[in-house]
Protein backbone atom coordinates (compact mmCIF):
# COMPACT_ATOMS: atom_id res chain seq x y z
CA MET A 1 -41.93 -35.72 137.99
CA SER A 2 -43.13 -32.60 136.14
CA ASN A 3 -42.65 -29.08 137.47
CA ARG A 4 -46.43 -28.64 137.50
CA LEU A 5 -46.91 -31.73 139.66
CA LEU A 6 -44.15 -30.62 142.05
CA TRP A 7 -45.84 -27.23 142.25
CA ALA A 8 -49.22 -28.83 143.06
CA ILE A 9 -47.68 -31.04 145.77
CA ARG A 10 -45.93 -28.06 147.36
CA HIS A 11 -49.19 -26.12 147.54
CA MET A 12 -50.99 -29.19 148.91
CA ASP A 13 -48.49 -29.26 151.78
CA THR A 14 -49.13 -25.56 152.40
CA CYS A 15 -52.89 -26.14 152.44
CA THR A 16 -52.48 -29.04 154.88
CA SER A 17 -50.58 -26.76 157.25
CA PHE A 18 -53.24 -24.08 156.82
CA PHE A 19 -55.90 -26.59 157.84
CA THR A 20 -53.95 -27.60 160.94
CA ASP A 21 -53.34 -23.98 161.94
CA ASN A 22 -56.98 -22.96 161.47
CA ARG A 23 -58.75 -26.17 162.46
CA GLU A 24 -60.53 -24.80 165.55
CA ARG A 25 -61.74 -21.72 163.70
CA PHE A 26 -63.04 -23.87 160.87
CA ILE A 27 -64.99 -26.00 163.34
CA GLU A 28 -66.56 -22.97 165.02
CA GLU A 29 -67.57 -21.42 161.69
CA TRP A 30 -69.01 -24.76 160.60
CA ARG A 31 -71.04 -24.82 163.81
CA GLU A 32 -72.44 -21.36 163.02
CA PHE A 33 -73.57 -22.62 159.61
CA LEU A 34 -75.19 -25.72 161.15
CA ARG A 35 -77.18 -23.81 163.77
CA PHE A 36 -79.56 -22.39 161.17
CA GLN A 37 -82.77 -24.43 161.11
CA SER A 38 -82.96 -24.27 157.32
CA ILE A 39 -85.64 -26.93 156.80
CA SER A 40 -86.95 -26.21 153.33
CA THR A 41 -90.06 -28.38 153.17
CA ASP A 42 -91.83 -26.67 156.10
CA PRO A 43 -92.94 -23.01 155.62
CA ALA A 44 -92.54 -22.49 159.36
CA TYR A 45 -88.77 -22.38 158.73
CA ASP A 46 -88.79 -19.89 155.85
CA ALA A 47 -87.20 -17.15 157.98
CA ALA A 48 -84.46 -19.54 159.12
CA CYS A 49 -83.73 -20.48 155.50
CA THR A 50 -83.40 -16.82 154.54
CA ALA A 51 -81.16 -16.13 157.55
CA CYS A 52 -78.93 -19.05 156.58
CA ALA A 53 -78.66 -17.78 153.02
CA GLN A 54 -77.79 -14.28 154.26
CA TRP A 55 -75.08 -15.70 156.55
CA THR A 56 -73.62 -17.65 153.63
CA VAL A 57 -73.53 -14.57 151.39
CA LYS A 58 -71.65 -12.69 154.10
CA HIS A 59 -69.23 -15.58 154.62
CA LEU A 60 -68.49 -15.79 150.90
CA SER A 61 -67.83 -12.05 150.83
CA GLY A 62 -65.32 -12.55 153.62
CA LEU A 63 -63.51 -15.10 151.46
CA GLY A 64 -63.12 -12.57 148.64
CA PHE A 65 -66.15 -13.47 146.52
CA ALA A 66 -68.54 -10.93 145.05
CA SER A 67 -71.66 -12.50 146.51
CA GLU A 68 -75.37 -11.80 146.41
CA LEU A 69 -78.72 -13.10 147.57
CA ILE A 70 -81.10 -13.80 144.69
CA GLN A 71 -84.70 -13.60 145.84
CA THR A 72 -87.21 -16.03 144.34
CA ALA A 73 -90.88 -16.84 144.84
CA THR A 74 -89.83 -19.43 147.42
CA LYS A 75 -86.35 -19.78 148.98
CA PRO A 76 -83.46 -17.43 148.08
CA LEU A 77 -80.47 -18.54 146.03
CA VAL A 78 -76.89 -17.72 147.00
CA TYR A 79 -74.65 -16.71 144.11
CA ALA A 80 -71.00 -15.66 144.27
CA ILE A 81 -68.08 -15.22 141.92
CA LEU A 82 -64.34 -15.07 142.53
CA SER A 83 -62.51 -13.80 139.45
CA GLY A 84 -59.41 -15.78 138.55
CA VAL A 85 -56.98 -16.49 135.74
CA PRO A 86 -58.96 -16.07 132.49
CA THR A 87 -57.01 -18.79 130.66
CA LYS A 88 -58.06 -21.42 133.20
CA PRO A 89 -61.43 -23.20 132.92
CA THR A 90 -64.19 -21.51 134.90
CA VAL A 91 -65.55 -23.64 137.76
CA LEU A 92 -69.18 -23.62 138.90
CA PHE A 93 -69.74 -25.18 142.32
CA TYR A 94 -73.26 -26.32 143.19
CA GLY A 95 -74.56 -27.20 146.64
CA HIS A 96 -77.48 -26.55 148.96
CA TYR A 97 -77.94 -24.94 152.36
CA ASP A 98 -81.34 -26.46 153.14
CA VAL A 99 -81.75 -29.58 155.27
CA GLN A 100 -84.25 -32.35 155.95
CA PRO A 101 -86.77 -32.24 158.84
CA VAL A 102 -85.47 -33.66 162.11
CA ASP A 103 -88.34 -35.98 163.06
CA PRO A 104 -88.45 -38.10 165.14
CA LEU A 105 -86.84 -35.60 167.48
CA GLU A 106 -86.81 -37.97 170.46
CA LEU A 107 -84.27 -40.22 168.74
CA TRP A 108 -81.60 -37.52 168.63
CA GLU A 109 -78.93 -37.94 171.30
CA THR A 110 -78.20 -34.20 171.20
CA PRO A 111 -80.36 -31.38 169.77
CA PRO A 112 -80.18 -31.39 165.95
CA PHE A 113 -79.37 -27.70 165.67
CA GLU A 114 -76.88 -27.56 168.53
CA PRO A 115 -73.82 -28.95 166.70
CA THR A 116 -71.98 -31.35 168.99
CA LEU A 117 -68.53 -32.80 168.43
CA ARG A 118 -68.04 -36.27 169.90
CA ALA A 119 -65.46 -38.90 169.11
CA GLY A 120 -64.25 -36.94 166.09
CA ARG A 121 -67.73 -36.52 164.56
CA MET A 122 -69.90 -33.42 164.26
CA TYR A 123 -73.53 -34.28 165.05
CA ALA A 124 -76.21 -31.98 163.66
CA ARG A 125 -78.85 -31.89 160.95
CA GLY A 126 -76.97 -30.96 157.78
CA ALA A 127 -73.59 -31.92 159.23
CA GLN A 128 -72.94 -33.87 156.05
CA ASP A 129 -75.90 -33.22 153.72
CA ASN A 130 -74.96 -30.72 152.44
CA LYS A 131 -73.59 -28.08 154.77
CA GLY A 132 -70.51 -30.09 155.75
CA GLN A 133 -69.58 -30.78 152.14
CA VAL A 134 -70.27 -27.19 151.09
CA PHE A 135 -68.16 -25.89 153.95
CA TYR A 136 -65.01 -27.91 153.25
CA PHE A 137 -65.16 -26.54 149.70
CA LEU A 138 -65.27 -22.97 151.01
CA LYS A 139 -62.41 -23.57 153.44
CA ALA A 140 -60.34 -25.11 150.66
CA ILE A 141 -60.81 -21.92 148.62
CA GLU A 142 -59.68 -19.88 151.61
CA ALA A 143 -56.57 -22.03 151.97
CA LEU A 144 -55.69 -21.88 148.27
CA ARG A 145 -55.98 -18.10 148.24
CA ALA A 146 -53.82 -17.85 151.35
CA SER A 147 -51.16 -20.08 149.75
CA GLY A 148 -50.96 -17.91 146.64
CA VAL A 149 -52.29 -20.44 144.13
CA SER A 150 -53.41 -18.92 140.83
CA LEU A 151 -57.04 -19.96 140.84
CA PRO A 152 -59.51 -20.18 137.99
CA THR A 153 -62.65 -18.08 138.10
CA ILE A 154 -64.93 -19.80 140.61
CA LYS A 155 -68.69 -19.39 140.73
CA VAL A 156 -70.77 -20.67 143.62
CA LEU A 157 -74.49 -21.47 143.41
CA LEU A 158 -76.22 -22.65 146.58
CA GLU A 159 -79.95 -23.31 146.68
CA GLY A 160 -82.39 -23.65 149.55
CA GLU A 161 -84.79 -26.28 148.19
CA GLU A 162 -82.79 -29.32 147.10
CA GLU A 163 -84.50 -31.39 149.77
CA CYS A 164 -87.98 -30.52 148.51
CA GLY A 165 -87.75 -30.32 144.73
CA SER A 166 -85.58 -27.30 143.76
CA ALA A 167 -88.63 -25.32 142.62
CA ALA A 168 -86.94 -21.91 142.49
CA LEU A 169 -83.85 -23.21 140.75
CA HIS A 170 -85.81 -25.14 138.12
CA ALA A 171 -87.95 -22.05 137.46
CA GLY A 172 -85.12 -19.53 137.19
CA LEU A 173 -82.10 -21.48 135.99
CA ARG A 174 -82.33 -20.69 132.27
CA ALA A 175 -82.83 -16.99 132.99
CA MET A 176 -79.52 -16.86 134.90
CA GLY A 177 -77.65 -17.44 131.63
CA GLU A 178 -74.16 -15.95 131.69
CA LYS A 179 -74.02 -15.98 135.49
CA LEU A 180 -73.64 -19.75 135.35
CA ALA A 181 -71.46 -20.18 132.25
CA ALA A 182 -68.53 -22.45 133.11
CA GLN A 183 -66.44 -25.35 131.86
CA VAL A 184 -66.40 -27.44 135.07
CA LEU A 185 -69.38 -28.20 137.32
CA MET A 186 -68.22 -29.33 140.77
CA VAL A 187 -70.71 -31.15 142.97
CA CYS A 188 -69.82 -32.40 146.46
CA ASP A 189 -73.14 -33.98 147.46
CA THR A 190 -72.24 -37.63 146.99
CA SER A 191 -70.46 -40.38 148.91
CA MET A 192 -67.44 -42.64 149.13
CA LEU A 193 -67.79 -46.36 148.56
CA ALA A 194 -66.13 -46.96 151.95
CA PRO A 195 -63.88 -45.06 154.40
CA GLY A 196 -60.61 -44.07 152.80
CA ILE A 197 -61.73 -45.04 149.28
CA PRO A 198 -62.02 -41.88 147.15
CA THR A 199 -64.97 -42.21 144.81
CA ILE A 200 -66.10 -40.43 141.66
CA THR A 201 -69.81 -40.67 140.90
CA MET A 202 -70.21 -41.21 137.16
CA GLY A 203 -73.97 -41.20 136.93
CA LEU A 204 -77.19 -40.36 138.73
CA ARG A 205 -80.60 -41.79 137.92
CA GLY A 206 -83.51 -39.53 137.06
CA ILE A 207 -86.79 -39.68 138.94
CA ALA A 208 -90.54 -39.41 138.40
CA HIS A 209 -93.44 -40.44 140.62
CA PHE A 210 -97.22 -40.52 140.99
CA GLU A 211 -100.04 -41.93 143.10
CA VAL A 212 -102.70 -44.39 141.95
CA ARG A 213 -106.07 -44.49 143.70
CA VAL A 214 -108.66 -47.23 143.36
CA HIS A 215 -112.23 -46.31 144.33
CA GLY A 216 -114.92 -48.85 145.13
CA PRO A 217 -118.13 -48.58 147.17
CA HIS A 218 -119.25 -45.25 148.66
CA VAL A 219 -118.79 -46.62 152.20
CA ASP A 220 -116.98 -49.56 153.80
CA LEU A 221 -119.11 -52.65 153.33
CA HIS A 222 -119.71 -55.70 155.55
CA SER A 223 -117.45 -58.39 154.06
CA GLY A 224 -119.93 -61.12 154.94
CA MET A 225 -122.82 -59.49 153.16
CA TYR A 226 -120.85 -58.17 150.17
CA GLY A 227 -117.78 -60.43 149.97
CA GLY A 228 -117.83 -62.22 146.63
CA VAL A 229 -120.34 -59.69 145.31
CA VAL A 230 -118.48 -56.35 145.32
CA LEU A 231 -114.92 -56.20 143.97
CA ASN A 232 -112.55 -55.26 146.78
CA PRO A 233 -110.56 -52.10 145.83
CA LEU A 234 -107.48 -53.46 147.60
CA GLN A 235 -107.64 -56.67 145.60
CA ALA A 236 -107.90 -54.58 142.43
CA LEU A 237 -105.03 -52.35 143.55
CA THR A 238 -102.67 -55.22 144.33
CA SER A 239 -103.43 -56.85 140.97
CA ILE A 240 -102.59 -53.56 139.24
CA VAL A 241 -99.27 -52.95 141.00
CA SER A 242 -98.21 -56.60 140.77
CA ALA A 243 -98.61 -56.35 136.99
CA LEU A 244 -95.87 -53.70 136.83
CA HIS A 245 -93.11 -56.34 136.99
CA ALA A 246 -92.37 -59.58 135.15
CA ALA A 247 -91.16 -62.74 136.87
CA ASP A 248 -87.50 -61.96 136.04
CA GLY A 249 -87.70 -58.59 137.83
CA SER A 250 -87.93 -56.49 134.69
CA VAL A 251 -90.57 -53.78 134.28
CA ALA A 252 -93.53 -55.09 132.27
CA VAL A 253 -94.78 -51.70 131.01
CA PRO A 254 -94.69 -51.59 127.17
CA GLY A 255 -92.11 -49.05 125.98
CA PHE A 256 -90.64 -48.53 129.44
CA TYR A 257 -87.12 -49.35 128.22
CA ASP A 258 -87.31 -47.11 125.14
CA GLY A 259 -84.02 -45.23 124.85
CA VAL A 260 -82.16 -47.43 127.35
CA GLY A 261 -78.87 -48.50 125.76
CA GLU A 262 -76.63 -51.44 126.50
CA ILE A 263 -73.93 -50.94 129.12
CA SER A 264 -70.59 -50.38 127.40
CA ALA A 265 -67.86 -52.94 128.04
CA GLU A 266 -65.64 -50.25 129.59
CA ASP A 267 -68.34 -48.91 131.92
CA ARG A 268 -69.35 -52.45 132.93
CA SER A 269 -65.73 -53.29 133.75
CA LEU A 270 -65.18 -50.07 135.73
CA ALA A 271 -68.46 -50.43 137.64
CA ASN A 272 -67.97 -54.08 138.55
CA ALA A 273 -64.41 -53.34 139.69
CA ALA A 274 -65.82 -51.47 142.70
CA PRO A 275 -65.08 -53.54 145.82
CA ILE A 276 -68.67 -53.93 146.98
CA ASP A 277 -69.15 -56.33 149.90
CA VAL A 278 -72.52 -57.94 149.12
CA ALA A 279 -72.59 -59.89 152.38
CA ALA A 280 -72.01 -56.70 154.38
CA MET A 281 -74.76 -54.91 152.45
CA GLU A 282 -77.18 -57.75 153.09
CA LYS A 283 -76.29 -57.74 156.77
CA ALA A 284 -76.80 -53.97 156.93
CA VAL A 285 -80.25 -54.05 155.33
CA GLY A 286 -81.36 -57.36 156.83
CA VAL A 287 -82.43 -59.11 153.60
CA GLU A 288 -80.88 -60.70 150.52
CA LEU A 289 -80.35 -58.37 147.55
CA ARG A 290 -82.94 -59.96 145.25
CA GLY A 291 -84.64 -56.93 143.67
CA GLY A 292 -84.39 -55.88 140.04
CA GLU A 293 -83.52 -57.68 136.83
CA ASP A 294 -81.96 -61.11 137.28
CA ARG A 295 -79.54 -60.82 134.36
CA PHE A 296 -77.62 -57.86 135.76
CA SER A 297 -75.15 -57.59 138.63
CA ILE A 298 -75.99 -55.56 141.72
CA VAL A 299 -73.88 -52.57 140.66
CA GLU A 300 -75.39 -52.69 137.16
CA ARG A 301 -78.94 -52.85 138.52
CA ARG A 302 -78.32 -49.90 140.79
CA GLY A 303 -76.40 -47.64 138.44
CA PHE A 304 -77.40 -48.51 134.87
CA ARG A 305 -80.92 -49.95 134.94
CA PRO A 306 -84.24 -48.15 135.49
CA THR A 307 -86.76 -49.28 138.10
CA VAL A 308 -90.36 -48.95 139.16
CA GLU A 309 -90.91 -49.09 142.91
CA ILE A 310 -94.00 -49.17 145.13
CA ASN A 311 -93.17 -46.66 147.88
CA GLY A 312 -96.41 -46.86 149.83
CA LEU A 313 -99.58 -48.94 149.87
CA GLY A 314 -102.68 -48.25 151.92
CA GLY A 315 -106.42 -48.45 152.42
CA GLY A 316 -108.96 -50.15 154.63
CA TYR A 317 -108.69 -50.87 158.34
CA GLN A 318 -105.23 -50.17 159.81
CA ALA A 319 -105.64 -50.26 163.60
CA ALA A 320 -105.18 -53.15 166.02
CA GLY A 321 -107.33 -56.25 165.74
CA GLY A 322 -109.62 -57.04 162.84
CA LYS A 323 -112.47 -55.28 161.09
CA THR A 324 -114.17 -57.37 158.42
CA VAL A 325 -114.93 -54.82 155.72
CA ILE A 326 -114.55 -54.28 152.03
CA PRO A 327 -112.90 -50.84 152.11
CA THR A 328 -114.09 -47.93 150.06
CA HIS A 329 -110.69 -47.24 148.46
CA GLY A 330 -106.99 -48.06 148.29
CA PHE A 331 -103.91 -46.20 147.11
CA ALA A 332 -100.32 -46.81 146.10
CA LYS A 333 -97.44 -44.38 145.72
CA VAL A 334 -95.22 -45.30 142.77
CA SER A 335 -91.82 -43.93 141.75
CA MET A 336 -89.43 -44.56 138.89
CA ARG A 337 -85.67 -44.25 138.81
CA LEU A 338 -84.62 -43.54 135.23
CA VAL A 339 -81.39 -43.87 133.28
CA ALA A 340 -79.72 -42.07 130.41
CA GLY A 341 -81.79 -42.20 127.22
CA GLN A 342 -85.18 -42.23 128.93
CA ASP A 343 -87.46 -39.23 128.60
CA PRO A 344 -88.87 -38.74 132.13
CA ARG A 345 -92.23 -37.28 131.06
CA ALA A 346 -92.81 -39.85 128.33
CA THR A 347 -91.82 -42.71 130.62
CA LEU A 348 -94.12 -41.48 133.38
CA ASP A 349 -96.98 -41.25 130.87
CA LYS A 350 -96.40 -44.85 129.76
CA VAL A 351 -96.49 -46.18 133.32
CA VAL A 352 -99.61 -44.18 134.17
CA ALA A 353 -101.35 -45.40 131.00
CA PHE A 354 -100.38 -49.00 131.84
CA VAL A 355 -101.79 -48.69 135.36
CA LYS A 356 -105.08 -47.36 134.03
CA SER A 357 -105.25 -50.10 131.41
CA LYS A 358 -105.14 -52.71 134.17
CA ALA A 359 -108.22 -51.33 135.95
CA PRO A 360 -110.77 -54.17 136.35
CA GLU A 361 -114.50 -53.59 136.00
CA GLY A 362 -116.22 -52.78 139.28
CA VAL A 363 -113.79 -50.10 140.50
CA ARG A 364 -112.69 -46.65 139.35
CA VAL A 365 -108.97 -45.98 138.97
CA GLU A 366 -107.38 -42.54 138.90
CA THR A 367 -103.83 -41.20 139.16
CA CYS A 368 -102.68 -37.95 140.76
CA ASP A 369 -99.59 -36.09 142.02
CA GLU A 370 -97.72 -36.84 138.79
CA LYS A 371 -94.26 -35.27 139.07
CA VAL A 372 -91.09 -35.38 137.01
CA GLY A 373 -88.00 -34.70 139.11
CA GLY A 374 -85.48 -34.65 136.29
CA PRO A 375 -83.58 -36.82 133.79
CA ALA A 376 -80.63 -39.07 134.47
CA LEU A 377 -77.02 -37.92 134.32
CA GLN A 378 -74.24 -40.05 132.88
CA VAL A 379 -70.64 -38.86 132.69
CA SER A 380 -68.11 -40.32 130.29
CA SER A 381 -65.17 -42.09 131.88
CA GLN A 382 -63.06 -40.38 129.18
CA SER A 383 -64.08 -36.88 130.31
CA SER A 384 -61.03 -34.64 130.75
CA VAL A 385 -62.57 -33.26 133.94
CA VAL A 386 -63.00 -36.78 135.33
CA GLN A 387 -59.39 -37.55 134.46
CA LYS A 388 -58.22 -34.49 136.40
CA ALA A 389 -60.36 -35.56 139.36
CA ARG A 390 -58.83 -39.04 139.22
CA GLN A 391 -55.34 -37.54 139.27
CA ALA A 392 -56.20 -35.17 142.10
CA LEU A 393 -57.69 -37.95 144.23
CA ALA A 394 -54.79 -40.29 143.53
CA GLN A 395 -52.38 -37.57 144.67
CA ALA A 396 -54.39 -36.59 147.75
CA PHE A 397 -55.08 -40.15 148.94
CA ASP A 398 -52.15 -42.09 147.51
CA ARG A 399 -54.50 -44.58 145.85
CA GLU A 400 -56.54 -44.75 142.68
CA PRO A 401 -60.17 -43.66 143.09
CA ILE A 402 -63.14 -45.92 142.43
CA LEU A 403 -65.70 -44.97 139.77
CA VAL A 404 -69.34 -45.69 140.63
CA TRP A 405 -72.67 -45.24 138.89
CA GLU A 406 -75.09 -44.13 141.60
CA GLY A 407 -78.72 -45.17 141.86
CA ALA A 408 -79.91 -42.01 143.60
CA SER A 409 -80.92 -38.69 142.03
CA ILE A 410 -79.97 -35.02 142.25
CA PRO A 411 -82.62 -33.87 139.77
CA VAL A 412 -81.28 -30.40 139.03
CA ILE A 413 -77.75 -31.48 138.02
CA PRO A 414 -78.49 -32.49 134.38
CA LEU A 415 -80.29 -29.19 133.75
CA LEU A 416 -77.56 -27.20 135.50
CA SER A 417 -74.92 -28.90 133.36
CA GLU A 418 -76.92 -28.10 130.21
CA VAL A 419 -77.53 -24.44 131.07
CA SER A 420 -73.98 -23.74 132.28
CA GLY A 421 -72.31 -25.71 129.51
CA ALA A 422 -70.08 -27.29 132.15
CA GLU A 423 -68.84 -30.87 132.41
CA PRO A 424 -69.92 -32.29 135.77
CA VAL A 425 -67.56 -33.92 138.24
CA LEU A 426 -69.25 -35.45 141.28
CA VAL A 427 -66.94 -36.26 144.16
CA GLY A 428 -68.19 -36.39 147.73
CA PHE A 429 -67.11 -37.89 151.03
CA GLY A 430 -70.31 -39.11 152.62
CA LEU A 431 -70.60 -42.53 154.28
CA ASP A 432 -73.52 -44.71 155.36
CA GLU A 433 -72.69 -44.05 159.00
CA ASP A 434 -73.37 -40.34 158.49
CA ARG A 435 -77.10 -41.16 158.68
CA ILE A 436 -78.23 -38.34 156.43
CA HIS A 437 -82.01 -37.69 156.54
CA ALA A 438 -82.16 -39.67 159.82
CA PRO A 439 -81.75 -38.80 163.51
CA ASN A 440 -78.16 -38.24 164.66
CA GLU A 441 -76.79 -37.17 161.29
CA SER A 442 -73.05 -36.60 161.50
CA PHE A 443 -69.88 -35.98 159.52
CA SER A 444 -66.44 -36.87 160.80
CA LEU A 445 -63.55 -34.43 160.90
CA THR A 446 -61.60 -36.98 158.88
CA GLN A 447 -64.20 -36.87 156.10
CA PHE A 448 -64.24 -33.07 156.26
CA GLU A 449 -60.45 -32.96 155.85
CA ASP A 450 -60.61 -35.55 153.06
CA GLY A 451 -62.97 -33.29 151.14
CA TYR A 452 -60.79 -30.27 151.81
CA ARG A 453 -57.72 -32.12 150.47
CA TYR A 454 -59.55 -33.19 147.33
CA VAL A 455 -60.74 -29.66 146.52
CA THR A 456 -57.30 -28.12 147.04
CA SER A 457 -55.71 -30.83 144.90
CA PHE A 458 -58.27 -30.63 142.11
CA LEU A 459 -58.36 -26.84 141.81
CA SER A 460 -54.56 -26.68 141.90
CA ARG A 461 -54.49 -28.85 138.78
CA LEU A 462 -56.81 -26.72 136.64
């Protein structure tokens, strides 16, 4: 065993003791952080978002960081820097202090902004996403400093709009320049495959979306008088959206797969090695997992293949009973999850053009709300940063971590990696039972400590 490894283990033991000694204080400080109603999508909570950011700046200052609030046209950014050993790689940590709305409020067992600890879990909006995962990172820094570890320079960037599009960060990121320069980009906004299984997220899909509207008669028409005479907008709409996919589950839009490469043998092997329980997943969601392209496995479909999804479909009479009309219009909300090699804007344009090309005579088709969230992110399994994360997780959990390619998106991460020049490493400790974005969100103390152990182990190895 090398001297460096013995040194890291010794400091890990010190950090574990520090956690035990300060556990109650950590919990109370975490509660303070969770009490802020920092809902970013609703302007009614702008003041609460600013107050949360101000609290975070003050807390970072107390940990030894030079911290500041960066005002923007929307929600403020939190930026902080802790100068460290110049020969070590600089670390940039990204997270967010904003949270999702709490509706439906009546389904919460305890108030969403009155953090409640029960059966070893903290219940509150943001308990996991992302305040819990941000906070274990901060407490790990506190512990490492107290133990005397020689840390690298650490920069912290926390935004207040991740849950509603990261408008301020997208607008101002390139202008921040040197503030963000780093070699390692740490993100703790992801999940574990299962309890006790440390997981490194190797990829995130990009996202784009739009709405298609089909307009027919000026008013709803009597279906007896006009049925068979006037083309029904909902019939036209369903024919358009059904044309988006081929019988084998692939996307039928010409050029949609431009830039999509084959899955490498190594990545395919690593991804399919993940112990995914298909039967348990099907039980959890209540249906068989039959979506996507037939020729790929479930993990390949979710992590390596792009999709087009119909997220909402509406028009015509929606209330109880029947109303025999040909409705005046119909609409569908469509999103795409994109993979490495796809240009989000170009791909969105192709899908929109395809939808318009399928418009039958007798109706008018338009698209609106076209938005590009960001490109996909794919990390090499040979990345030196990933290898250090694998070693740190193996040490902290006494088992080899699983590598997964995630189907979800954190749109700002690819741009942040580009601007900072940093290699991303995405390790988080969320679980399905945390119920993020839903009533009764929670994060267990075990998960919190797992994250804390990972951060102390990883940063000790840099």
